[in-house]
Amino acid sequence: MTTENKKTTTLWENVKTILIAILIAVAIRTFAFEPFTIPSGSMIPTLLIGDYLFVSKYSYGYSRYSFPFGIGPFSGRVFFEPPKRGEVAVFKFPKNTSENWIKRIIGLPGDKIQIVNSVLNINGEPVKLERIEDFMHDTDSGEKVPVPQYIETLPNGVSHRIIKVHVKEEDSEWENSPEYIIPEGHYFMMGDNR
């Protein structure tokens, strides 16, 4: 084999190796795990701005949105496992499916969700809140301020930390909301920073 042929063979082997690696990476990202960076503070104290994590793509089955550009070859969901209350999930924002949001699953289909006196109520019952040490929250100006932190326990026994940062305003939706009835096939999501 001539030197010229060896160079061509080596180049072709390198190109094949790179193409196979790209194919494997795309398959893993499409069907198994996808990396995410947390863009906002809506999940503080559980997830902080800038946290980097890998999200399972198969936990709730696959839809056309599981594929790049939302061009999956089918409608509906395959290998569907229903989400459970208390799980943190990444989902496409319904009003703009190019945006991924990450929130906690609070309400399941058929549930009635309402905020009463700043406390989450599920199906007419307030969730259990246990006050714990303050969370040191970074303000926009860079200073740290203490904010109330709680352990919230959902009806299925799942517990997680939440903080309450908002400024109290009489009759605001943070204090008292209308009752939301979750339609079939839908879920009610909330951040842990309330």
C-alpha atoms as a PDB file:
ATOM      1  CA  MET A   1       0.000   0.000   0.000  1.00  0.00           C
ATOM      2  CA  THR A   2       1.376   3.368  -0.938  1.00  0.00           C
ATOM      3  CA  THR A   3       1.727   6.296   1.441  1.00  0.00           C
ATOM      4  CA  GLU A   4      -1.069   8.073  -0.453  1.00  0.00           C
ATOM      5  CA  ASN A   5      -3.431   5.094   0.030  1.00  0.00           C
ATOM      6  CA  LYS A   6      -2.540   4.861   3.749  1.00  0.00           C
ATOM      7  CA  LYS A   7      -3.389   8.557   4.228  1.00  0.00           C
ATOM      8  CA  THR A   8      -6.728   8.129   2.409  1.00  0.00           C
ATOM      9  CA  THR A   9      -7.573   5.007   4.441  1.00  0.00           C
ATOM     10  CA  THR A  10      -6.628   6.723   7.716  1.00  0.00           C
ATOM     11  CA  LEU A  11      -8.677   9.805   6.820  1.00  0.00           C
ATOM     12  CA  TRP A  12     -11.696   7.667   5.890  1.00  0.00           C
ATOM     13  CA  GLU A  13     -11.393   5.680   9.175  1.00  0.00           C
ATOM     14  CA  ASN A  14     -11.277   8.952  11.150  1.00  0.00           C
ATOM     15  CA  VAL A  15     -14.344  10.311   9.318  1.00  0.00           C
ATOM     16  CA  LYS A  16     -16.259   7.051   9.972  1.00  0.00           C
ATOM     17  CA  THR A  17     -15.307   7.129  13.665  1.00  0.00           C
ATOM     18  CA  ILE A  18     -16.465  10.743  14.023  1.00  0.00           C
ATOM     19  CA  LEU A  19     -19.755  10.029  12.201  1.00  0.00           C
ATOM     20  CA  ILE A  20     -20.452   6.988  14.394  1.00  0.00           C
ATOM     21  CA  ALA A  21     -19.703   9.030  17.544  1.00  0.00           C
ATOM     22  CA  ILE A  22     -22.078  11.790  16.380  1.00  0.00           C
ATOM     23  CA  LEU A  23     -24.798   9.228  15.604  1.00  0.00           C
ATOM     24  CA  ILE A  24     -24.428   7.639  19.050  1.00  0.00           C
ATOM     25  CA  ALA A  25     -24.515  11.062  20.771  1.00  0.00           C
ATOM     26  CA  VAL A  26     -27.674  12.088  18.861  1.00  0.00           C
ATOM     27  CA  ALA A  27     -29.355   8.759  19.690  1.00  0.00           C
ATOM     28  CA  ILE A  28     -28.517   9.088  23.402  1.00  0.00           C
ATOM     29  CA  ARG A  29     -29.732  12.705  23.487  1.00  0.00           C
ATOM     30  CA  THR A  30     -32.923  11.837  21.584  1.00  0.00           C
ATOM     31  CA  PHE A  31     -33.931   8.653  23.396  1.00  0.00           C
ATOM     32  CA  ALA A  32     -32.096   8.407  26.749  1.00  0.00           C
ATOM     33  CA  PHE A  33     -30.795  11.585  28.417  1.00  0.00           C
ATOM     34  CA  GLU A  34     -30.626  15.278  27.615  1.00  0.00           C
ATOM     35  CA  PRO A  35     -28.479  17.885  29.375  1.00  0.00           C
ATOM     36  CA  PHE A  36     -30.160  20.978  30.816  1.00  0.00           C
ATOM     37  CA  THR A  37     -28.937  24.103  32.532  1.00  0.00           C
ATOM     38  CA  ILE A  38     -31.366  25.690  34.990  1.00  0.00           C
ATOM     39  CA  PRO A  39     -32.139  29.163  33.543  1.00  0.00           C
ATOM     40  CA  SER A  40     -34.244  30.724  36.303  1.00  0.00           C
ATOM     41  CA  GLY A  41     -34.902  30.679  40.024  1.00  0.00           C
ATOM     42  CA  SER A  42     -38.365  29.107  39.902  1.00  0.00           C
ATOM     43  CA  MET A  43     -37.124  25.819  41.415  1.00  0.00           C
ATOM     44  CA  ILE A  44     -35.013  27.337  44.221  1.00  0.00           C
ATOM     45  CA  PRO A  45     -34.149  25.833  46.752  1.00  0.00           C
ATOM     46  CA  THR A  46     -34.208  22.438  44.972  1.00  0.00           C
ATOM     47  CA  LEU A  47     -32.409  23.574  41.807  1.00  0.00           C
ATOM     48  CA  LEU A  48     -30.308  26.726  41.599  1.00  0.00           C
ATOM     49  CA  ILE A  49     -29.752  29.029  38.627  1.00  0.00           C
ATOM     50  CA  GLY A  50     -26.943  27.578  36.517  1.00  0.00           C
ATOM     51  CA  ASP A  51     -27.244  24.020  37.879  1.00  0.00           C
ATOM     52  CA  TYR A  52     -26.434  21.486  35.182  1.00  0.00           C
ATOM     53  CA  LEU A  53     -28.290  18.182  35.067  1.00  0.00           C
ATOM     54  CA  PHE A  54     -29.178  15.282  32.816  1.00  0.00           C
ATOM     55  CA  VAL A  55     -32.869  14.568  32.319  1.00  0.00           C
ATOM     56  CA  SER A  56     -34.270  11.138  31.515  1.00  0.00           C
ATOM     57  CA  LYS A  57     -36.058  11.209  28.149  1.00  0.00           C
ATOM     58  CA  TYR A  58     -37.919   7.925  28.689  1.00  0.00           C
ATOM     59  CA  SER A  59     -39.553   8.418  32.112  1.00  0.00           C
ATOM     60  CA  TYR A  60     -42.987   9.265  30.682  1.00  0.00           C
ATOM     61  CA  GLY A  61     -42.662   7.582  27.280  1.00  0.00           C
ATOM     62  CA  TYR A  62     -42.011   9.214  23.927  1.00  0.00           C
ATOM     63  CA  SER A  63     -44.010  11.713  21.879  1.00  0.00           C
ATOM     64  CA  ARG A  64     -43.261  13.529  18.652  1.00  0.00           C
ATOM     65  CA  TYR A  65     -41.620  16.226  20.822  1.00  0.00           C
ATOM     66  CA  SER A  66     -39.061  13.635  21.944  1.00  0.00           C
ATOM     67  CA  PHE A  67     -37.480  13.908  18.514  1.00  0.00           C
ATOM     68  CA  PRO A  68     -35.379  16.802  17.237  1.00  0.00           C
ATOM     69  CA  PHE A  69     -37.547  19.649  15.915  1.00  0.00           C
ATOM     70  CA  GLY A  70     -40.735  17.853  17.065  1.00  0.00           C
ATOM     71  CA  ILE A  71     -40.888  15.752  13.906  1.00  0.00           C
ATOM     72  CA  GLY A  72     -41.572  12.349  15.419  1.00  0.00           C
ATOM     73  CA  PRO A  73     -43.246   9.776  13.168  1.00  0.00           C
ATOM     74  CA  PHE A  74     -46.363   9.376  15.337  1.00  0.00           C
ATOM     75  CA  SER A  75     -48.926  11.211  17.441  1.00  0.00           C
ATOM     76  CA  GLY A  76     -49.733  10.550  21.080  1.00  0.00           C
ATOM     77  CA  ARG A  77     -47.308   8.762  23.406  1.00  0.00           C
ATOM     78  CA  VAL A  78     -45.641   5.362  23.301  1.00  0.00           C
ATOM     79  CA  PHE A  79     -44.314   3.487  26.350  1.00  0.00           C
ATOM     80  CA  PHE A  80     -46.338   5.932  28.488  1.00  0.00           C
ATOM     81  CA  GLU A  81     -45.899   5.893  32.258  1.00  0.00           C
ATOM     82  CA  PRO A  82     -48.036   8.500  34.029  1.00  0.00           C
ATOM     83  CA  PRO A  83     -46.180  11.182  35.988  1.00  0.00           C
ATOM     84  CA  LYS A  84     -46.424  11.000  39.768  1.00  0.00           C
ATOM     85  CA  ARG A  85     -47.207  13.834  42.119  1.00  0.00           C
ATOM     86  CA  GLY A  86     -44.039  15.408  43.507  1.00  0.00           C
ATOM     87  CA  GLU A  87     -41.739  14.478  40.627  1.00  0.00           C
ATOM     88  CA  VAL A  88     -39.683  17.210  38.980  1.00  0.00           C
ATOM     89  CA  ALA A  89     -40.243  17.183  35.218  1.00  0.00           C
ATOM     90  CA  VAL A  90     -39.015  19.023  32.145  1.00  0.00           C
ATOM     91  CA  PHE A  91     -41.791  19.781  29.666  1.00  0.00           C
ATOM     92  CA  LYS A  92     -42.527  21.887  26.622  1.00  0.00           C
ATOM     93  CA  PHE A  93     -44.289  25.128  27.550  1.00  0.00           C
ATOM     94  CA  PRO A  94     -47.751  24.747  25.937  1.00  0.00           C
ATOM     95  CA  LYS A  95     -47.860  28.307  24.573  1.00  0.00           C
ATOM     96  CA  ASN A  96     -44.386  28.019  23.023  1.00  0.00           C
ATOM     97  CA  THR A  97     -43.189  24.460  22.416  1.00  0.00           C
ATOM     98  CA  SER A  98     -39.672  25.664  21.656  1.00  0.00           C
ATOM     99  CA  GLU A  99     -39.276  26.472  25.390  1.00  0.00           C
ATOM    100  CA  ASN A 100     -38.450  23.780  27.951  1.00  0.00           C
ATOM    101  CA  TRP A 101     -39.677  24.399  31.490  1.00  0.00           C
ATOM    102  CA  ILE A 102     -38.762  22.512  34.648  1.00  0.00           C
ATOM    103  CA  LYS A 103     -41.263  22.367  37.518  1.00  0.00           C
ATOM    104  CA  ARG A 104     -42.681  20.021  40.148  1.00  0.00           C
ATOM    105  CA  ILE A 105     -45.817  17.984  39.372  1.00  0.00           C
ATOM    106  CA  ILE A 106     -48.438  19.127  41.886  1.00  0.00           C
ATOM    107  CA  GLY A 107     -51.806  18.328  40.310  1.00  0.00           C
ATOM    108  CA  LEU A 108     -52.885  15.189  38.462  1.00  0.00           C
ATOM    109  CA  PRO A 109     -55.837  14.822  36.061  1.00  0.00           C
ATOM    110  CA  GLY A 110     -59.094  15.389  37.959  1.00  0.00           C
ATOM    111  CA  ASP A 111     -57.443  17.172  40.917  1.00  0.00           C
ATOM    112  CA  LYS A 112     -58.690  20.481  42.287  1.00  0.00           C
ATOM    113  CA  ILE A 113     -55.820  22.880  43.024  1.00  0.00           C
ATOM    114  CA  GLN A 114     -56.133  26.144  44.948  1.00  0.00           C
ATOM    115  CA  ILE A 115     -53.990  28.492  47.035  1.00  0.00           C
ATOM    116  CA  VAL A 116     -55.767  29.465  50.275  1.00  0.00           C
ATOM    117  CA  ASN A 117     -54.041  31.906  52.656  1.00  0.00           C
ATOM    118  CA  SER A 118     -50.701  31.220  50.902  1.00  0.00           C
ATOM    119  CA  VAL A 119     -51.032  27.442  51.370  1.00  0.00           C
ATOM    120  CA  LEU A 120     -51.363  24.979  48.503  1.00  0.00           C
ATOM    121  CA  ASN A 121     -54.601  22.997  48.712  1.00  0.00           C
ATOM    122  CA  ILE A 122     -55.078  19.771  46.765  1.00  0.00           C
ATOM    123  CA  ASN A 123     -58.624  18.436  46.494  1.00  0.00           C
ATOM    124  CA  GLY A 124     -59.776  20.741  49.284  1.00  0.00           C
ATOM    125  CA  GLU A 125     -57.061  19.736  51.750  1.00  0.00           C
ATOM    126  CA  PRO A 126     -54.084  21.945  52.674  1.00  0.00           C
ATOM    127  CA  VAL A 127     -50.697  20.309  52.179  1.00  0.00           C
ATOM    128  CA  LYS A 128     -48.577  19.854  55.281  1.00  0.00           C
ATOM    129  CA  LEU A 129     -46.011  22.643  55.761  1.00  0.00           C
ATOM    130  CA  GLU A 130     -43.223  22.457  58.322  1.00  0.00           C
ATOM    131  CA  ARG A 131     -41.199  25.652  58.877  1.00  0.00           C
ATOM    132  CA  ILE A 132     -37.441  25.047  58.817  1.00  0.00           C
ATOM    133  CA  GLU A 133     -34.366  27.315  58.799  1.00  0.00           C
ATOM    134  CA  ASP A 134     -34.434  30.341  56.500  1.00  0.00           C
ATOM    135  CA  PHE A 135     -32.974  30.026  53.022  1.00  0.00           C
ATOM    136  CA  MET A 136     -30.367  32.650  52.140  1.00  0.00           C
ATOM    137  CA  HIS A 137     -31.688  34.004  48.850  1.00  0.00           C
ATOM    138  CA  ASP A 138     -29.581  36.065  46.429  1.00  0.00           C
ATOM    139  CA  THR A 139     -31.313  39.291  45.410  1.00  0.00           C
ATOM    140  CA  ASP A 140     -30.874  40.966  42.022  1.00  0.00           C
ATOM    141  CA  SER A 141     -28.489  43.429  43.685  1.00  0.00           C
ATOM    142  CA  GLY A 142     -26.287  40.545  44.869  1.00  0.00           C
ATOM    143  CA  GLU A 143     -27.038  40.691  48.586  1.00  0.00           C
ATOM    144  CA  LYS A 144     -28.233  37.641  50.503  1.00  0.00           C
ATOM    145  CA  VAL A 145     -31.492  37.905  52.405  1.00  0.00           C
ATOM    146  CA  PRO A 146     -33.190  35.291  54.579  1.00  0.00           C
ATOM    147  CA  VAL A 147     -36.509  33.997  53.231  1.00  0.00           C
ATOM    148  CA  PRO A 148     -38.936  31.565  54.872  1.00  0.00           C
ATOM    149  CA  GLN A 149     -38.279  27.930  53.959  1.00  0.00           C
ATOM    150  CA  TYR A 150     -40.601  24.977  54.507  1.00  0.00           C
ATOM    151  CA  ILE A 151     -40.823  21.240  54.027  1.00  0.00           C
ATOM    152  CA  GLU A 152     -43.981  20.683  51.972  1.00  0.00           C
ATOM    153  CA  THR A 153     -45.536  17.205  52.114  1.00  0.00           C
ATOM    154  CA  LEU A 154     -47.921  16.287  49.310  1.00  0.00           C
ATOM    155  CA  PRO A 155     -50.899  13.907  49.783  1.00  0.00           C
ATOM    156  CA  ASN A 156     -48.877  10.921  48.485  1.00  0.00           C
ATOM    157  CA  GLY A 157     -46.193  11.507  51.163  1.00  0.00           C
ATOM    158  CA  VAL A 158     -43.574  13.080  48.874  1.00  0.00           C
ATOM    159  CA  SER A 159     -41.734  15.860  50.738  1.00  0.00           C
ATOM    160  CA  HIS A 160     -39.559  18.630  49.328  1.00  0.00           C
ATOM    161  CA  ARG A 161     -38.305  22.068  50.339  1.00  0.00           C
ATOM    162  CA  ILE A 162     -40.015  25.261  49.160  1.00  0.00           C
ATOM    163  CA  ILE A 163     -39.363  28.933  49.821  1.00  0.00           C
ATOM    164  CA  LYS A 164     -41.821  31.820  49.929  1.00  0.00           C
ATOM    165  CA  VAL A 165     -40.189  34.933  48.499  1.00  0.00           C
ATOM    166  CA  HIS A 166     -43.138  36.953  47.188  1.00  0.00           C
ATOM    167  CA  VAL A 167     -44.282  40.192  48.752  1.00  0.00           C
ATOM    168  CA  LYS A 168     -47.638  39.783  50.430  1.00  0.00           C
ATOM    169  CA  GLU A 169     -50.441  41.635  48.751  1.00  0.00           C
ATOM    170  CA  GLU A 170     -54.024  41.347  49.903  1.00  0.00           C
ATOM    171  CA  ASP A 171     -56.043  39.080  47.650  1.00  0.00           C
ATOM    172  CA  SER A 172     -53.170  38.442  45.241  1.00  0.00           C
ATOM    173  CA  GLU A 173     -53.048  35.051  43.496  1.00  0.00           C
ATOM    174  CA  TRP A 174     -50.101  34.179  45.745  1.00  0.00           C
ATOM    175  CA  GLU A 175     -52.379  34.492  48.760  1.00  0.00           C
ATOM    176  CA  ASN A 176     -55.676  33.167  47.394  1.00  0.00           C
ATOM    177  CA  SER A 177     -56.330  31.748  43.944  1.00  0.00           C
ATOM    178  CA  PRO A 178     -59.375  30.466  42.149  1.00  0.00           C
ATOM    179  CA  GLU A 179     -59.847  26.702  42.197  1.00  0.00           C
ATOM    180  CA  TYR A 180     -58.316  24.991  39.156  1.00  0.00           C
ATOM    181  CA  ILE A 181     -59.734  21.641  38.059  1.00  0.00           C
ATOM    182  CA  ILE A 182     -57.081  19.737  36.139  1.00  0.00           C
ATOM    183  CA  PRO A 183     -58.487  18.308  32.874  1.00  0.00           C
ATOM    184  CA  GLU A 184     -57.873  14.729  31.782  1.00  0.00           C
ATOM    185  CA  GLY A 185     -54.466  14.371  30.132  1.00  0.00           C
ATOM    186  CA  HIS A 186     -53.104  17.511  31.852  1.00  0.00           C
ATOM    187  CA  TYR A 187     -50.961  18.195  34.926  1.00  0.00           C
ATOM    188  CA  PHE A 188     -50.544  21.197  37.222  1.00  0.00           C
ATOM    189  CA  MET A 189     -46.928  22.220  37.679  1.00  0.00           C
ATOM    190  CA  MET A 190     -45.380  24.622  40.211  1.00  0.00           C
ATOM    191  CA  GLY A 191     -41.906  25.797  41.047  1.00  0.00           C
ATOM    192  CA  ASP A 192     -40.511  25.374  44.561  1.00  0.00           C
ATOM    193  CA  ASN A 193     -39.879  29.136  44.784  1.00  0.00           C
ATOM    194  CA  ARG A 194     -43.310  30.499  45.611  1.00  0.00           C
END
